[in-house]
Amino acid sequence: MKLKIWSLTALVVAVSALYLTSASLSAKAQLPPRPALTAEAATAGLPTVQTAPVIDPTPEPTPTPLPPRKQSYNKCHVAGSEIAITFDDGPHPKLTPMLLDMLKERGIKATFFLVGKNAADYPEIVQRIVAEGHEVANHSWSHPQLTKLGPDALNAEITHTNNAIHQATGIKTTIMRPPYGATNASITKRLNEEFGLTVIMWSVDPLDWKIRNSSHVTKYITENTTPGAIILAHDIHPTTVEAMPAVFDTLTAKGYKFVTVSELIALDLPEPVQPTPKSTPAKTKD
């Protein structure tokens, strides 16, 4: 009897729930549709998010192309106070290391135009020159006048020296100074085109090979050096090496900055164009 009463009760509850659900769905279906939110309404009451403005990347400036290397240089036109001091005919087994000590003490860079056979005899000095930030360059194998050589002899002088420098340091030099400054247009062109060597002359020459006096060397160099100068000296003469501390210190005190020859060439600017003087009209006789 109790089982029948519980079954009847459960049936009544189920029917009532089904009726209420149907009625709820019917009523919900009769409600008007909810209007869609506008963009303004959708964001109402929410914090405003600041978006970063889109900035076009600034274009990289186009670098100013460097002027092509000239066939030869005896000085450079620079905007600053850079100069290059050069030493020919070494390396010398005693004097060149002494000079390197002076340069290292002052943080000065120089360029050494090496005689090939000396470079082959003292490769450890050549290696030290490069290791301490200086430049090495070709000054022929045996120091002859290039203008008196035939094509094959010239080739041997240049090639053997390049090989000696490369063997000692792994460097392929790009500059060359003819012994005695003896060259001509055809030799300079051949050095440029066949060997890839720029000819380097000089603008300050104290004649230290002839006048073996350290005071003279110091005075001449310090009084005749100007910005962009290429100074000629020889590290095989004791009087020249003795003069160098005073040369270095005096020029540094004047505001000059020592760089290698290749660094100086990289700073070379076109020579300023000189204005053409105005001509005064000639007076005519009355």
Protein backbone atom coordinates (compact mmCIF):
# COMPACT_ATOMS: atom_id res chain seq x y z
CA MET A 1 0.00 0.00 0.00
CA LYS A 2 2.79 2.39 0.91
CA LEU A 3 4.61 1.53 -2.35
CA LYS A 4 1.57 2.56 -4.41
CA ILE A 5 1.28 5.88 -2.54
CA TRP A 6 4.99 6.71 -3.20
CA SER A 7 4.66 5.84 -6.90
CA LEU A 8 1.62 8.05 -7.28
CA THR A 9 3.39 10.92 -5.55
CA ALA A 10 6.46 10.64 -7.82
CA LEU A 11 4.26 10.65 -10.89
CA VAL A 12 2.49 13.84 -9.77
CA VAL A 13 5.87 15.61 -9.13
CA ALA A 14 7.23 14.65 -12.57
CA VAL A 15 4.10 15.87 -14.37
CA SER A 16 4.21 19.17 -12.46
CA ALA A 17 7.87 19.75 -13.37
CA LEU A 18 7.24 19.07 -17.02
CA TYR A 19 4.35 21.52 -17.05
CA LEU A 20 6.36 24.30 -15.39
CA THR A 21 9.27 23.86 -17.80
CA SER A 22 6.98 24.03 -20.84
CA ALA A 23 5.27 27.11 -19.49
CA SER A 24 8.62 28.81 -18.82
CA LEU A 25 9.88 28.13 -22.32
CA SER A 26 6.63 29.38 -23.82
CA ALA A 27 6.80 32.61 -21.83
CA LYS A 28 10.46 33.19 -22.74
CA ALA A 29 9.66 32.72 -26.40
CA GLN A 30 7.09 35.55 -26.19
CA LEU A 31 9.67 38.09 -24.84
CA PRO A 32 10.88 40.75 -27.36
CA PRO A 33 14.44 40.17 -28.66
CA ARG A 34 17.28 42.01 -26.79
CA PRO A 35 18.70 44.84 -28.91
CA ALA A 36 22.35 44.46 -29.98
CA LEU A 37 24.90 46.58 -28.08
CA THR A 38 26.52 49.43 -29.95
CA ALA A 39 30.32 49.78 -29.84
CA GLU A 40 29.94 52.69 -27.44
CA ALA A 41 27.59 50.80 -25.15
CA ALA A 42 29.77 47.70 -25.19
CA THR A 43 32.73 49.62 -23.88
CA ALA A 44 30.82 51.80 -21.44
CA GLY A 45 32.23 51.64 -17.95
CA LEU A 46 35.41 49.86 -19.03
CA PRO A 47 38.87 51.46 -18.63
CA THR A 48 40.26 53.04 -21.78
CA VAL A 49 43.26 51.22 -23.20
CA GLN A 50 45.91 53.53 -24.65
CA THR A 51 47.39 52.16 -27.86
CA ALA A 52 50.90 53.22 -28.87
CA PRO A 53 51.01 55.28 -32.05
CA VAL A 54 52.51 53.58 -35.06
CA ILE A 55 55.84 55.27 -35.83
CA ASP A 56 57.57 54.76 -39.13
CA PRO A 57 61.15 53.62 -38.58
CA THR A 58 63.70 56.35 -39.20
CA PRO A 59 65.67 55.44 -42.33
CA GLU A 60 69.38 54.89 -41.82
CA PRO A 61 71.46 57.72 -43.26
CA THR A 62 73.35 56.80 -46.39
CA PRO A 63 77.07 56.82 -45.56
CA THR A 64 79.20 59.22 -47.53
CA PRO A 65 81.37 57.15 -49.86
CA LEU A 66 85.09 57.48 -49.32
CA PRO A 67 87.06 58.92 -52.22
CA PRO A 68 89.01 56.31 -54.14
CA ARG A 69 92.68 55.94 -53.27
CA LYS A 70 95.06 57.98 -55.36
CA GLN A 71 98.01 56.36 -57.08
CA SER A 72 100.41 58.06 -54.67
CA TYR A 73 100.45 60.38 -51.66
CA ASN A 74 102.98 62.75 -50.17
CA LYS A 75 100.49 64.15 -47.64
CA CYS A 76 96.77 64.18 -46.98
CA HIS A 77 94.15 66.87 -46.55
CA VAL A 78 92.43 66.17 -43.21
CA ALA A 79 89.80 67.94 -41.15
CA GLY A 80 91.60 67.27 -37.85
CA SER A 81 95.17 67.18 -36.59
CA GLU A 82 96.21 63.69 -37.74
CA ILE A 83 99.74 63.03 -38.99
CA ALA A 84 101.72 59.92 -39.91
CA ILE A 85 105.33 59.27 -38.96
CA THR A 86 107.16 56.65 -41.01
CA PHE A 87 110.43 54.78 -40.57
CA ASP A 88 112.40 53.35 -43.51
CA ASP A 89 115.07 50.69 -44.07
CA GLY A 90 114.53 48.50 -40.99
CA PRO A 91 114.02 46.52 -39.04
CA HIS A 92 117.30 47.09 -37.20
CA PRO A 93 118.08 44.44 -34.57
CA LYS A 94 118.83 46.97 -31.79
CA LEU A 95 117.46 50.35 -32.81
CA THR A 96 113.98 49.24 -33.94
CA PRO A 97 113.15 47.58 -30.58
CA MET A 98 114.34 50.75 -28.80
CA LEU A 99 112.04 52.82 -31.01
CA LEU A 100 109.14 50.45 -30.38
CA ASP A 101 109.61 50.93 -26.64
CA MET A 102 109.34 54.71 -27.07
CA LEU A 103 106.20 54.38 -29.20
CA LYS A 104 104.57 51.93 -26.78
CA GLU A 105 105.26 54.18 -23.80
CA ARG A 106 103.39 57.02 -25.49
CA GLY A 107 100.64 55.05 -27.22
CA ILE A 108 101.78 56.32 -30.62
CA LYS A 109 101.25 54.41 -33.90
CA ALA A 110 103.73 54.52 -36.78
CA THR A 111 104.30 52.94 -40.18
CA PHE A 112 107.44 50.94 -40.94
CA PHE A 113 108.60 50.63 -44.56
CA LEU A 114 110.65 47.45 -44.35
CA VAL A 115 113.53 46.34 -46.52
CA GLY A 116 112.63 42.78 -47.46
CA LYS A 117 115.91 41.11 -46.62
CA ASN A 118 115.91 42.75 -43.17
CA ALA A 119 112.35 41.57 -42.58
CA ALA A 120 113.43 38.05 -43.52
CA ASP A 121 116.41 38.25 -41.14
CA TYR A 122 114.42 39.59 -38.16
CA PRO A 123 110.86 38.24 -38.47
CA GLU A 124 110.35 38.41 -34.70
CA ILE A 125 110.79 42.20 -34.80
CA VAL A 126 108.34 42.45 -37.69
CA GLN A 127 105.88 40.42 -35.63
CA ARG A 128 106.33 42.76 -32.67
CA ILE A 129 105.73 45.80 -34.88
CA VAL A 130 102.37 44.38 -35.96
CA ALA A 131 101.43 43.06 -32.52
CA GLU A 132 101.80 46.56 -31.05
CA GLY A 133 99.43 48.13 -33.58
CA HIS A 134 101.83 49.61 -36.12
CA GLU A 135 101.69 49.24 -39.88
CA VAL A 136 104.24 47.38 -42.00
CA ALA A 137 104.84 48.18 -45.65
CA ASN A 138 107.06 47.38 -48.64
CA HIS A 139 110.35 49.24 -49.20
CA SER A 140 111.83 46.79 -51.75
CA TRP A 141 114.05 43.78 -51.08
CA SER A 142 117.54 45.33 -51.35
CA HIS A 143 116.91 49.10 -51.58
CA PRO A 144 117.77 49.80 -55.24
CA GLN A 145 116.52 52.65 -57.39
CA LEU A 146 113.47 51.17 -59.05
CA THR A 147 113.90 53.43 -62.07
CA LYS A 148 117.15 51.60 -62.91
CA LEU A 149 115.60 48.12 -62.86
CA GLY A 150 114.17 46.04 -65.65
CA PRO A 151 110.65 44.57 -65.36
CA ASP A 152 111.81 41.21 -63.96
CA ALA A 153 114.13 42.74 -61.37
CA LEU A 154 111.38 45.11 -60.25
CA ASN A 155 109.00 42.18 -59.91
CA ALA A 156 111.52 40.30 -57.74
CA GLU A 157 112.15 43.30 -55.45
CA ILE A 158 108.45 43.79 -54.76
CA THR A 159 107.36 40.15 -54.64
CA HIS A 160 110.13 38.91 -52.36
CA THR A 161 109.45 41.70 -49.87
CA ASN A 162 105.70 41.08 -49.89
CA ASN A 163 106.39 37.41 -49.27
CA ALA A 164 108.76 38.11 -46.36
CA ILE A 165 106.19 40.36 -44.67
CA HIS A 166 103.39 37.86 -45.25
CA GLN A 167 105.47 34.95 -44.00
CA ALA A 168 106.30 36.78 -40.78
CA THR A 169 102.87 38.27 -40.07
CA GLY A 170 100.24 36.88 -42.42
CA ILE A 171 99.62 40.43 -43.65
CA LYS A 172 99.31 41.45 -47.26
CA THR A 173 100.58 45.01 -47.38
CA THR A 174 98.85 47.59 -49.54
CA ILE A 175 101.38 50.45 -49.53
CA MET A 176 104.93 50.82 -50.82
CA ARG A 177 107.67 53.45 -50.69
CA PRO A 178 110.23 53.43 -53.51
CA PRO A 179 113.81 53.69 -52.18
CA TYR A 180 115.13 57.25 -52.54
CA GLY A 181 111.65 58.21 -53.73
CA ALA A 182 112.78 57.10 -57.20
CA THR A 183 109.76 56.29 -59.32
CA ASN A 184 108.00 57.46 -62.47
CA ALA A 185 104.53 57.30 -63.96
CA SER A 186 104.92 53.83 -65.49
CA ILE A 187 106.43 52.28 -62.33
CA THR A 188 103.77 53.87 -60.12
CA LYS A 189 101.05 52.56 -62.44
CA ARG A 190 102.56 49.07 -62.36
CA LEU A 191 102.82 49.12 -58.57
CA ASN A 192 99.15 50.14 -58.40
CA GLU A 193 97.67 47.81 -60.98
CA GLU A 194 99.90 44.73 -60.87
CA PHE A 195 100.79 44.60 -57.19
CA GLY A 196 97.89 46.51 -55.61
CA LEU A 197 100.30 48.90 -53.89
CA THR A 198 99.69 52.60 -53.29
CA VAL A 199 102.90 54.64 -53.51
CA ILE A 200 103.68 56.65 -50.37
CA MET A 201 106.13 59.55 -50.51
CA TRP A 202 106.48 62.26 -47.81
CA SER A 203 106.01 65.93 -47.00
CA VAL A 204 108.52 66.34 -44.14
CA ASP A 205 112.11 65.16 -44.69
CA PRO A 206 114.74 66.04 -42.05
CA LEU A 207 117.50 64.43 -44.16
CA ASP A 208 118.34 62.34 -41.11
CA TRP A 209 120.29 59.88 -43.28
CA LYS A 210 122.65 62.72 -44.20
CA ILE A 211 122.63 65.04 -41.19
CA ARG A 212 123.32 62.69 -38.29
CA ASN A 213 122.36 65.09 -35.53
CA SER A 214 119.42 64.41 -33.20
CA SER A 215 118.82 68.10 -32.41
CA HIS A 216 118.56 68.90 -36.11
CA VAL A 217 116.11 66.02 -36.65
CA THR A 218 113.91 67.16 -33.76
CA LYS A 219 113.93 70.81 -34.78
CA TYR A 220 113.22 70.19 -38.45
CA ILE A 221 110.34 67.77 -37.89
CA THR A 222 108.62 69.76 -35.13
CA GLU A 223 108.86 73.05 -37.04
CA ASN A 224 107.70 71.74 -40.44
CA THR A 225 104.88 69.35 -39.57
CA THR A 226 101.33 70.40 -40.44
CA PRO A 227 98.02 68.48 -40.31
CA GLY A 228 97.97 65.60 -42.79
CA ALA A 229 101.78 65.43 -42.99
CA ILE A 230 103.68 62.25 -43.79
CA ILE A 231 107.01 62.42 -41.94
CA LEU A 232 110.07 60.56 -43.27
CA ALA A 233 112.65 59.11 -40.85
CA HIS A 234 114.96 56.08 -40.66
CA ASP A 235 115.14 53.65 -37.74
CA ILE A 236 118.64 52.45 -38.73
CA HIS A 237 120.42 55.62 -37.51
CA PRO A 238 121.08 56.10 -33.77
CA THR A 239 120.75 59.88 -34.01
CA THR A 240 117.27 59.54 -35.50
CA VAL A 241 116.08 57.21 -32.75
CA GLU A 242 117.60 59.51 -30.12
CA ALA A 243 115.58 62.40 -31.55
CA MET A 244 112.23 60.63 -31.38
CA PRO A 245 111.22 61.22 -27.73
CA ALA A 246 111.45 64.98 -28.23
CA VAL A 247 109.69 64.70 -31.61
CA PHE A 248 106.82 62.67 -30.17
CA ASP A 249 106.37 64.79 -27.07
CA THR A 250 106.60 68.14 -28.84
CA LEU A 251 104.14 67.24 -31.58
CA THR A 252 101.74 65.69 -29.07
CA ALA A 253 101.89 68.87 -26.99
CA LYS A 254 100.97 70.82 -30.13
CA GLY A 255 97.80 68.75 -30.45
CA TYR A 256 98.83 66.40 -33.25
CA LYS A 257 97.51 62.83 -33.33
CA PHE A 258 99.74 60.10 -34.73
CA VAL A 259 98.06 57.55 -37.01
CA THR A 260 99.30 54.98 -39.51
CA VAL A 261 99.62 55.90 -43.17
CA SER A 262 96.59 53.81 -44.14
CA GLU A 263 94.55 55.47 -41.40
CA LEU A 264 95.65 58.88 -42.68
CA ILE A 265 94.68 57.98 -46.24
CA ALA A 266 91.23 56.95 -45.00
CA LEU A 267 90.82 60.49 -43.60
CA ASP A 268 91.95 62.20 -46.80
CA LEU A 269 89.47 64.77 -48.08
CA PRO A 270 89.22 66.39 -51.50
CA GLU A 271 91.34 69.48 -51.69
CA PRO A 272 89.19 72.59 -51.25
CA VAL A 273 88.49 74.42 -54.45
CA GLN A 274 90.30 77.74 -54.46
CA PRO A 275 88.12 80.65 -55.59
CA THR A 276 89.10 82.12 -58.92
CA PRO A 277 90.37 85.68 -58.38
CA LYS A 278 88.26 88.32 -60.00
CA SER A 279 90.01 90.07 -62.82
CA THR A 280 90.09 93.86 -62.79
CA PRO A 281 89.11 95.37 -66.11
CA ALA A 282 92.02 97.10 -67.78
CA LYS A 283 91.88 100.87 -67.88
CA THR A 284 91.74 102.45 -71.29
CA LYS A 285 93.44 105.65 -72.12
CA ASP A 286 91.22 108.64 -72.68
